Amino acid sequence: MKIRQSYKNAWHVVIKCEDYRFDAVCTNGYNLSIQSNMQDALQFGNSSVGVAFGLNRILNTAPFFDYSLKYAFMGMQPVTFTIECVLPLIPEKGLDSFTKPLQNLAKICLPARGASLADALSKLKAASTQASSEYIKDLAGITTEGAANLIGFISSTTGFDLHTASKEIYTVVIPEQVTKNCIVYFGSKDEGNYSSRIENVLIQGVTLSFGTPTVTLDGTKTYPSYISLNLTCMYGRVPTDVLVKGLVN
């Protein structure tokens, strides 16, 4: 209830990827883990257990030296962070309070179902007859013919009707965040008035937790007053000083 009442004035997280926008109320801040890979270039003191034991007992000394370390910079580790947020049920919006943000989040970070295998082969066959290049025509023709022969062979040898099954086998389209710049804004609900911004974000994991159903919308069905989300994210570039520039706006 408190979440719903303070929704308009709360600290928001907005995730935007091209035409898709996810907006939720932040329940916590976020922590960025930025770490570099450094290795001692001299590598003194890598002794076996036997040598260490001998030095300990005979010379009463440790198998390493106290010296000024000479580090070699080997690169950066991936930057990860977690976003904890909630979608409150707004009575005037109804179930759109949940469905629209979750659908947009799914479009951003989940793959989409593409054409069926049967449709894909049909389109490839049509393209082979319409192509201007003879090479492309031949290549597409060989591909479709080979696929058709393979489907026929599997169907005849196994007794499984792969021709029919191919209508229920679908290609998969990669998530929007893989090819588009996914930007996370913290602060105002309006991403143009944010206090912190991170670009090139990849959402690796989403955990949904549904609250206890306590709100009745249509007089018959009861829904949770909120859905909480835990988003595991990764910065999609090698971290440099550019990352820090947008953290405080």
C-alpha atoms as a PDB file:
ATOM      1  CA  MET A   1       0.000   0.000   0.000  1.00  0.00           C
ATOM      2  CA  LYS A   2       2.794   2.407   0.861  1.00  0.00           C
ATOM      3  CA  ILE A   3       4.434   1.610  -2.464  1.00  0.00           C
ATOM      4  CA  ARG A   4       1.303   2.614  -4.358  1.00  0.00           C
ATOM      5  CA  GLN A   5       0.820   5.823  -2.394  1.00  0.00           C
ATOM      6  CA  SER A   6       4.392   7.029  -2.939  1.00  0.00           C
ATOM      7  CA  TYR A   7       4.628   5.868  -6.558  1.00  0.00           C
ATOM      8  CA  LYS A   8       4.648   9.309  -8.175  1.00  0.00           C
ATOM      9  CA  ASN A   9       7.378  10.718  -5.910  1.00  0.00           C
ATOM     10  CA  ALA A  10       9.491   7.553  -5.694  1.00  0.00           C
ATOM     11  CA  TRP A  11      12.939   6.954  -7.156  1.00  0.00           C
ATOM     12  CA  HIS A  12      12.421   5.184 -10.474  1.00  0.00           C
ATOM     13  CA  VAL A  13      14.437   2.960 -12.743  1.00  0.00           C
ATOM     14  CA  VAL A  14      13.714   3.298 -16.457  1.00  0.00           C
ATOM     15  CA  ILE A  15      15.181   0.807 -18.938  1.00  0.00           C
ATOM     16  CA  LYS A  16      14.926   1.905 -22.550  1.00  0.00           C
ATOM     17  CA  CYS A  17      15.910  -0.065 -25.645  1.00  0.00           C
ATOM     18  CA  GLU A  18      14.792   1.510 -28.920  1.00  0.00           C
ATOM     19  CA  ASP A  19      10.965   1.518 -28.844  1.00  0.00           C
ATOM     20  CA  TYR A  20      10.623  -0.518 -25.644  1.00  0.00           C
ATOM     21  CA  ARG A  21      10.486   1.097 -22.213  1.00  0.00           C
ATOM     22  CA  PHE A  22      10.362  -0.508 -18.763  1.00  0.00           C
ATOM     23  CA  ASP A  23       9.546   1.694 -15.750  1.00  0.00           C
ATOM     24  CA  ALA A  24       9.482   0.556 -12.114  1.00  0.00           C
ATOM     25  CA  VAL A  25       9.946   1.917  -8.601  1.00  0.00           C
ATOM     26  CA  CYS A  26      13.384   1.339  -7.080  1.00  0.00           C
ATOM     27  CA  THR A  27      13.360  -0.275  -3.648  1.00  0.00           C
ATOM     28  CA  ASN A  28      17.132   0.005  -3.200  1.00  0.00           C
ATOM     29  CA  GLY A  29      20.053   1.787  -4.784  1.00  0.00           C
ATOM     30  CA  TYR A  30      22.518  -0.103  -6.944  1.00  0.00           C
ATOM     31  CA  ASN A  31      26.143  -1.141  -6.524  1.00  0.00           C
ATOM     32  CA  LEU A  32      28.653  -1.293  -9.356  1.00  0.00           C
ATOM     33  CA  SER A  33      31.524  -3.733  -9.051  1.00  0.00           C
ATOM     34  CA  ILE A  34      34.471  -2.390 -11.100  1.00  0.00           C
ATOM     35  CA  GLN A  35      37.666  -4.440 -10.883  1.00  0.00           C
ATOM     36  CA  SER A  36      40.857  -4.595 -12.907  1.00  0.00           C
ATOM     37  CA  ASN A  37      43.117  -7.574 -13.589  1.00  0.00           C
ATOM     38  CA  MET A  38      46.619  -6.934 -12.249  1.00  0.00           C
ATOM     39  CA  GLN A  39      49.495  -9.433 -12.069  1.00  0.00           C
ATOM     40  CA  ASP A  40      52.894  -9.177 -10.445  1.00  0.00           C
ATOM     41  CA  ALA A  41      55.373  -9.068 -13.313  1.00  0.00           C
ATOM     42  CA  LEU A  42      58.296 -10.364 -11.210  1.00  0.00           C
ATOM     43  CA  GLN A  43      56.512 -13.320  -9.595  1.00  0.00           C
ATOM     44  CA  PHE A  44      59.074 -13.827  -6.817  1.00  0.00           C
ATOM     45  CA  GLY A  45      58.329 -16.389  -4.157  1.00  0.00           C
ATOM     46  CA  ASN A  46      56.601 -19.180  -6.088  1.00  0.00           C
ATOM     47  CA  SER A  47      58.217 -22.009  -4.169  1.00  0.00           C
ATOM     48  CA  SER A  48      57.247 -25.630  -3.712  1.00  0.00           C
ATOM     49  CA  VAL A  49      56.074 -26.903  -0.319  1.00  0.00           C
ATOM     50  CA  GLY A  50      59.378 -28.761   0.160  1.00  0.00           C
ATOM     51  CA  VAL A  51      61.506 -25.664  -0.461  1.00  0.00           C
ATOM     52  CA  ALA A  52      59.265 -23.598   1.794  1.00  0.00           C
ATOM     53  CA  PHE A  53      59.547 -26.186   4.569  1.00  0.00           C
ATOM     54  CA  GLY A  54      63.355 -26.221   4.262  1.00  0.00           C
ATOM     55  CA  LEU A  55      63.624 -22.433   4.398  1.00  0.00           C
ATOM     56  CA  ASN A  56      61.288 -22.362   7.409  1.00  0.00           C
ATOM     57  CA  ARG A  57      63.207 -24.949   9.412  1.00  0.00           C
ATOM     58  CA  ILE A  58      66.828 -24.334   8.364  1.00  0.00           C
ATOM     59  CA  LEU A  59      67.018 -20.577   7.779  1.00  0.00           C
ATOM     60  CA  ASN A  60      63.959 -19.563   9.778  1.00  0.00           C
ATOM     61  CA  THR A  61      62.739 -17.518   6.826  1.00  0.00           C
ATOM     62  CA  ALA A  62      59.693 -17.395   4.575  1.00  0.00           C
ATOM     63  CA  PRO A  63      59.782 -18.542   0.939  1.00  0.00           C
ATOM     64  CA  PHE A  64      59.090 -15.043  -0.408  1.00  0.00           C
ATOM     65  CA  PHE A  65      60.593 -11.554  -0.358  1.00  0.00           C
ATOM     66  CA  ASP A  66      59.404  -8.184   0.852  1.00  0.00           C
ATOM     67  CA  TYR A  67      59.843  -6.087  -2.289  1.00  0.00           C
ATOM     68  CA  SER A  68      58.100  -3.399  -4.281  1.00  0.00           C
ATOM     69  CA  LEU A  69      55.573  -5.194  -6.488  1.00  0.00           C
ATOM     70  CA  LYS A  70      55.728  -4.455 -10.196  1.00  0.00           C
ATOM     71  CA  TYR A  71      52.228  -4.926 -11.533  1.00  0.00           C
ATOM     72  CA  ALA A  72      51.253  -5.466 -15.153  1.00  0.00           C
ATOM     73  CA  PHE A  73      47.816  -4.224 -16.147  1.00  0.00           C
ATOM     74  CA  MET A  74      46.034  -7.161 -17.830  1.00  0.00           C
ATOM     75  CA  GLY A  75      42.603  -5.680 -18.481  1.00  0.00           C
ATOM     76  CA  MET A  76      39.243  -5.197 -16.795  1.00  0.00           C
ATOM     77  CA  GLN A  77      36.691  -7.610 -15.426  1.00  0.00           C
ATOM     78  CA  PRO A  78      33.042  -7.336 -16.572  1.00  0.00           C
ATOM     79  CA  VAL A  79      31.044  -4.793 -14.559  1.00  0.00           C
ATOM     80  CA  THR A  80      27.935  -6.262 -12.953  1.00  0.00           C
ATOM     81  CA  PHE A  81      25.146  -4.749 -10.884  1.00  0.00           C
ATOM     82  CA  THR A  82      21.721  -5.657  -9.523  1.00  0.00           C
ATOM     83  CA  ILE A  83      18.521  -3.606  -9.698  1.00  0.00           C
ATOM     84  CA  GLU A  84      15.812  -4.203  -7.096  1.00  0.00           C
ATOM     85  CA  CYS A  85      12.468  -2.677  -8.050  1.00  0.00           C
ATOM     86  CA  VAL A  86       8.695  -3.130  -7.855  1.00  0.00           C
ATOM     87  CA  LEU A  87       5.697  -2.685 -10.107  1.00  0.00           C
ATOM     88  CA  PRO A  88       2.859  -1.360  -7.922  1.00  0.00           C
ATOM     89  CA  LEU A  89      -0.728  -2.031  -8.903  1.00  0.00           C
ATOM     90  CA  ILE A  90      -2.262   1.345  -9.796  1.00  0.00           C
ATOM     91  CA  PRO A  91      -6.086   1.022  -9.560  1.00  0.00           C
ATOM     92  CA  GLU A  92      -6.777   3.502 -12.365  1.00  0.00           C
ATOM     93  CA  LYS A  93      -4.439   1.583 -14.686  1.00  0.00           C
ATOM     94  CA  GLY A  94      -5.664  -1.872 -13.674  1.00  0.00           C
ATOM     95  CA  LEU A  95      -3.669  -4.852 -14.917  1.00  0.00           C
ATOM     96  CA  ASP A  96      -1.818  -2.579 -17.357  1.00  0.00           C
ATOM     97  CA  SER A  97       0.266  -1.663 -14.298  1.00  0.00           C
ATOM     98  CA  PHE A  98       1.813  -5.133 -14.677  1.00  0.00           C
ATOM     99  CA  THR A  99       1.290  -6.308 -18.231  1.00  0.00           C
ATOM    100  CA  LYS A 100       2.725  -3.392 -20.213  1.00  0.00           C
ATOM    101  CA  PRO A 101       6.022  -3.038 -18.267  1.00  0.00           C
ATOM    102  CA  LEU A 102       6.569  -6.812 -18.192  1.00  0.00           C
ATOM    103  CA  GLN A 103       5.852  -7.155 -21.911  1.00  0.00           C
ATOM    104  CA  ASN A 104       8.358  -4.404 -22.690  1.00  0.00           C
ATOM    105  CA  LEU A 105      10.948  -5.977 -20.393  1.00  0.00           C
ATOM    106  CA  ALA A 106      10.435  -9.298 -22.174  1.00  0.00           C
ATOM    107  CA  LYS A 107      10.932  -7.607 -25.561  1.00  0.00           C
ATOM    108  CA  ILE A 108      14.205  -6.129 -24.312  1.00  0.00           C
ATOM    109  CA  CYS A 109      15.855  -9.165 -22.724  1.00  0.00           C
ATOM    110  CA  LEU A 110      14.121 -12.308 -24.038  1.00  0.00           C
ATOM    111  CA  PRO A 111      14.366 -13.871 -27.496  1.00  0.00           C
ATOM    112  CA  ALA A 112      11.256 -13.763 -29.672  1.00  0.00           C
ATOM    113  CA  ARG A 113       9.609 -16.557 -31.597  1.00  0.00           C
ATOM    114  CA  GLY A 114      10.292 -16.199 -35.305  1.00  0.00           C
ATOM    115  CA  ALA A 115       8.864 -17.913 -38.360  1.00  0.00           C
ATOM    116  CA  SER A 116       8.149 -21.629 -38.362  1.00  0.00           C
ATOM    117  CA  LEU A 117      10.664 -23.883 -40.067  1.00  0.00           C
ATOM    118  CA  ALA A 118       8.108 -24.609 -42.786  1.00  0.00           C
ATOM    119  CA  ASP A 119       7.499 -20.893 -43.426  1.00  0.00           C
ATOM    120  CA  ALA A 120      11.219 -20.150 -43.416  1.00  0.00           C
ATOM    121  CA  LEU A 121      11.853 -22.811 -46.077  1.00  0.00           C
ATOM    122  CA  SER A 122       8.922 -21.510 -48.156  1.00  0.00           C
ATOM    123  CA  LYS A 123      10.280 -17.957 -48.025  1.00  0.00           C
ATOM    124  CA  LEU A 124      13.751 -19.191 -48.965  1.00  0.00           C
ATOM    125  CA  LYS A 125      12.315 -21.092 -51.899  1.00  0.00           C
ATOM    126  CA  ALA A 126      10.389 -18.016 -53.054  1.00  0.00           C
ATOM    127  CA  ALA A 127      13.521 -15.900 -52.725  1.00  0.00           C
ATOM    128  CA  SER A 128      15.457 -18.352 -54.893  1.00  0.00           C
ATOM    129  CA  THR A 129      13.064 -17.793 -57.809  1.00  0.00           C
ATOM    130  CA  GLN A 130      13.037 -14.000 -57.426  1.00  0.00           C
ATOM    131  CA  ALA A 131      16.752 -13.421 -56.919  1.00  0.00           C
ATOM    132  CA  SER A 132      18.525 -11.440 -59.628  1.00  0.00           C
ATOM    133  CA  SER A 133      21.808 -13.279 -59.226  1.00  0.00           C
ATOM    134  CA  GLU A 134      22.073 -16.774 -60.662  1.00  0.00           C
ATOM    135  CA  TYR A 135      24.543 -17.662 -57.911  1.00  0.00           C
ATOM    136  CA  ILE A 136      22.037 -16.714 -55.196  1.00  0.00           C
ATOM    137  CA  LYS A 137      19.295 -18.614 -57.030  1.00  0.00           C
ATOM    138  CA  ASP A 138      21.444 -21.729 -57.185  1.00  0.00           C
ATOM    139  CA  LEU A 139      22.552 -21.427 -53.559  1.00  0.00           C
ATOM    140  CA  ALA A 140      19.002 -20.901 -52.263  1.00  0.00           C
ATOM    141  CA  GLY A 141      17.723 -23.701 -54.461  1.00  0.00           C
ATOM    142  CA  ILE A 142      20.340 -26.140 -53.202  1.00  0.00           C
ATOM    143  CA  THR A 143      19.599 -25.148 -49.591  1.00  0.00           C
ATOM    144  CA  THR A 144      15.828 -25.611 -49.873  1.00  0.00           C
ATOM    145  CA  GLU A 145      16.142 -28.816 -51.854  1.00  0.00           C
ATOM    146  CA  GLY A 146      18.638 -30.223 -49.378  1.00  0.00           C
ATOM    147  CA  ALA A 147      16.408 -29.305 -46.432  1.00  0.00           C
ATOM    148  CA  ALA A 148      13.376 -30.854 -48.118  1.00  0.00           C
ATOM    149  CA  ASN A 149      15.298 -34.060 -48.862  1.00  0.00           C
ATOM    150  CA  LEU A 150      16.555 -34.219 -45.261  1.00  0.00           C
ATOM    151  CA  ILE A 151      13.037 -33.759 -43.877  1.00  0.00           C
ATOM    152  CA  GLY A 152      11.733 -36.453 -46.240  1.00  0.00           C
ATOM    153  CA  PHE A 153      14.518 -38.862 -45.293  1.00  0.00           C
ATOM    154  CA  ILE A 154      13.968 -38.418 -41.536  1.00  0.00           C
ATOM    155  CA  SER A 155      10.202 -38.772 -41.947  1.00  0.00           C
ATOM    156  CA  SER A 156      10.501 -41.978 -43.996  1.00  0.00           C
ATOM    157  CA  THR A 157      13.131 -43.664 -41.814  1.00  0.00           C
ATOM    158  CA  THR A 158      11.701 -42.792 -38.401  1.00  0.00           C
ATOM    159  CA  GLY A 159       7.990 -42.748 -39.177  1.00  0.00           C
ATOM    160  CA  PHE A 160       7.797 -39.289 -37.634  1.00  0.00           C
ATOM    161  CA  ASP A 161       5.961 -36.772 -39.814  1.00  0.00           C
ATOM    162  CA  LEU A 162       8.563 -34.018 -39.858  1.00  0.00           C
ATOM    163  CA  HIS A 163       6.680 -32.164 -42.603  1.00  0.00           C
ATOM    164  CA  THR A 164       3.824 -31.482 -40.171  1.00  0.00           C
ATOM    165  CA  ALA A 165       6.155 -31.008 -37.212  1.00  0.00           C
ATOM    166  CA  SER A 166       8.139 -28.351 -39.096  1.00  0.00           C
ATOM    167  CA  LYS A 167       5.083 -26.091 -38.797  1.00  0.00           C
ATOM    168  CA  GLU A 168       5.486 -26.240 -35.017  1.00  0.00           C
ATOM    169  CA  ILE A 169       9.277 -25.760 -35.006  1.00  0.00           C
ATOM    170  CA  TYR A 170      10.188 -22.088 -34.913  1.00  0.00           C
ATOM    171  CA  THR A 171      13.243 -19.998 -35.479  1.00  0.00           C
ATOM    172  CA  VAL A 172      14.306 -17.761 -32.584  1.00  0.00           C
ATOM    173  CA  VAL A 173      15.030 -14.032 -32.908  1.00  0.00           C
ATOM    174  CA  ILE A 174      17.744 -12.696 -30.605  1.00  0.00           C
ATOM    175  CA  PRO A 175      16.748 -10.183 -27.871  1.00  0.00           C
ATOM    176  CA  GLU A 176      16.654  -6.471 -28.673  1.00  0.00           C
ATOM    177  CA  GLN A 177      19.386  -5.731 -26.119  1.00  0.00           C
ATOM    178  CA  VAL A 178      21.930  -7.785 -28.075  1.00  0.00           C
ATOM    179  CA  THR A 179      21.920  -5.519 -31.125  1.00  0.00           C
ATOM    180  CA  LYS A 180      20.515  -2.244 -29.695  1.00  0.00           C
ATOM    181  CA  ASN A 181      21.850   0.146 -27.061  1.00  0.00           C
ATOM    182  CA  CYS A 182      20.003  -0.615 -23.837  1.00  0.00           C
ATOM    183  CA  ILE A 183      20.100   2.359 -21.431  1.00  0.00           C
ATOM    184  CA  VAL A 184      19.254   2.326 -17.710  1.00  0.00           C
ATOM    185  CA  TYR A 185      18.162   5.578 -16.047  1.00  0.00           C
ATOM    186  CA  PHE A 186      17.848   6.103 -12.295  1.00  0.00           C
ATOM    187  CA  GLY A 187      15.959   8.975 -10.717  1.00  0.00           C
ATOM    188  CA  SER A 188      12.883  10.625 -12.186  1.00  0.00           C
ATOM    189  CA  LYS A 189      10.175   8.686 -13.977  1.00  0.00           C
ATOM    190  CA  ASP A 190      11.041  10.885 -16.967  1.00  0.00           C
ATOM    191  CA  GLU A 191      14.337   9.590 -18.394  1.00  0.00           C
ATOM    192  CA  GLY A 192      15.108  13.135 -19.529  1.00  0.00           C
ATOM    193  CA  ASN A 193      15.442  14.191 -15.882  1.00  0.00           C
ATOM    194  CA  TYR A 194      17.562  11.373 -14.491  1.00  0.00           C
ATOM    195  CA  SER A 195      20.247  11.479 -11.799  1.00  0.00           C
ATOM    196  CA  SER A 196      22.241   8.458 -13.008  1.00  0.00           C
ATOM    197  CA  ARG A 197      22.589   6.765 -16.390  1.00  0.00           C
ATOM    198  CA  ILE A 198      24.313   3.619 -17.674  1.00  0.00           C
ATOM    199  CA  GLU A 199      24.455   2.751 -21.369  1.00  0.00           C
ATOM    200  CA  ASN A 200      25.185  -0.554 -23.135  1.00  0.00           C
ATOM    201  CA  VAL A 201      23.490  -2.639 -20.456  1.00  0.00           C
ATOM    202  CA  LEU A 202      22.704  -6.336 -20.829  1.00  0.00           C
ATOM    203  CA  ILE A 203      20.082  -7.898 -18.551  1.00  0.00           C
ATOM    204  CA  GLN A 204      21.323 -11.381 -17.672  1.00  0.00           C
ATOM    205  CA  GLY A 205      18.668 -12.496 -15.214  1.00  0.00           C
ATOM    206  CA  VAL A 206      15.172 -11.555 -14.024  1.00  0.00           C
ATOM    207  CA  THR A 207      13.567 -12.817 -10.812  1.00  0.00           C
ATOM    208  CA  LEU A 208       9.865 -12.101 -10.268  1.00  0.00           C
ATOM    209  CA  SER A 209       8.159 -12.236  -6.878  1.00  0.00           C
ATOM    210  CA  PHE A 210       4.406 -11.782  -6.654  1.00  0.00           C
ATOM    211  CA  GLY A 211       2.868 -10.184  -3.589  1.00  0.00           C
ATOM    212  CA  THR A 212      -0.119 -11.622  -1.751  1.00  0.00           C
ATOM    213  CA  PRO A 213      -3.381 -11.097  -3.707  1.00  0.00           C
ATOM    214  CA  THR A 214      -5.209  -8.378  -1.780  1.00  0.00           C
ATOM    215  CA  VAL A 215      -6.610  -5.998  -4.411  1.00  0.00           C
ATOM    216  CA  THR A 216      -9.946  -6.638  -6.141  1.00  0.00           C
ATOM    217  CA  LEU A 217     -10.324  -4.879  -9.488  1.00  0.00           C
ATOM    218  CA  ASP A 218     -13.383  -6.330 -11.202  1.00  0.00           C
ATOM    219  CA  GLY A 219     -15.352  -7.404  -8.151  1.00  0.00           C
ATOM    220  CA  THR A 220     -14.483 -11.070  -8.590  1.00  0.00           C
ATOM    221  CA  LYS A 221     -10.719 -11.523  -9.065  1.00  0.00           C
ATOM    222  CA  THR A 222      -8.091 -10.563  -6.513  1.00  0.00           C
ATOM    223  CA  TYR A 223      -4.615  -9.482  -7.594  1.00  0.00           C
ATOM    224  CA  PRO A 224      -1.323  -8.756  -5.786  1.00  0.00           C
ATOM    225  CA  SER A 225      -0.746  -5.131  -4.851  1.00  0.00           C
ATOM    226  CA  TYR A 226       2.737  -5.306  -6.364  1.00  0.00           C
ATOM    227  CA  ILE A 227       5.263  -7.457  -8.245  1.00  0.00           C
ATOM    228  CA  SER A 228       8.873  -7.185  -7.147  1.00  0.00           C
ATOM    229  CA  LEU A 229      11.739  -7.747  -9.579  1.00  0.00           C
ATOM    230  CA  ASN A 230      15.421  -8.454  -9.160  1.00  0.00           C
ATOM    231  CA  LEU A 231      17.382  -7.681 -12.339  1.00  0.00           C
ATOM    232  CA  THR A 232      20.928  -8.949 -12.754  1.00  0.00           C
ATOM    233  CA  CYS A 233      22.725  -6.695 -15.226  1.00  0.00           C
ATOM    234  CA  MET A 234      26.099  -6.436 -16.925  1.00  0.00           C
ATOM    235  CA  TYR A 235      27.820  -3.488 -18.598  1.00  0.00           C
ATOM    236  CA  GLY A 236      28.231  -4.469 -22.234  1.00  0.00           C
ATOM    237  CA  ARG A 237      31.561  -2.740 -22.852  1.00  0.00           C
ATOM    238  CA  VAL A 238      35.047  -2.835 -21.383  1.00  0.00           C
ATOM    239  CA  PRO A 239      34.785  -0.372 -18.454  1.00  0.00           C
ATOM    240  CA  THR A 240      36.684   2.880 -18.981  1.00  0.00           C
ATOM    241  CA  ASP A 241      36.311   6.421 -17.634  1.00  0.00           C
ATOM    242  CA  VAL A 242      33.341   6.837 -19.994  1.00  0.00           C
ATOM    243  CA  LEU A 243      31.262   4.606 -17.712  1.00  0.00           C
ATOM    244  CA  VAL A 244      31.768   6.888 -14.708  1.00  0.00           C
ATOM    245  CA  LYS A 245      30.705  10.047 -16.568  1.00  0.00           C
ATOM    246  CA  GLY A 246      27.037   9.083 -16.557  1.00  0.00           C
ATOM    247  CA  LEU A 247      26.816   7.732 -13.018  1.00  0.00           C
ATOM    248  CA  VAL A 248      26.120  11.145 -11.506  1.00  0.00           C
ATOM    249  CA  ASN A 249      24.274  13.654 -13.634  1.00  0.00           C
END
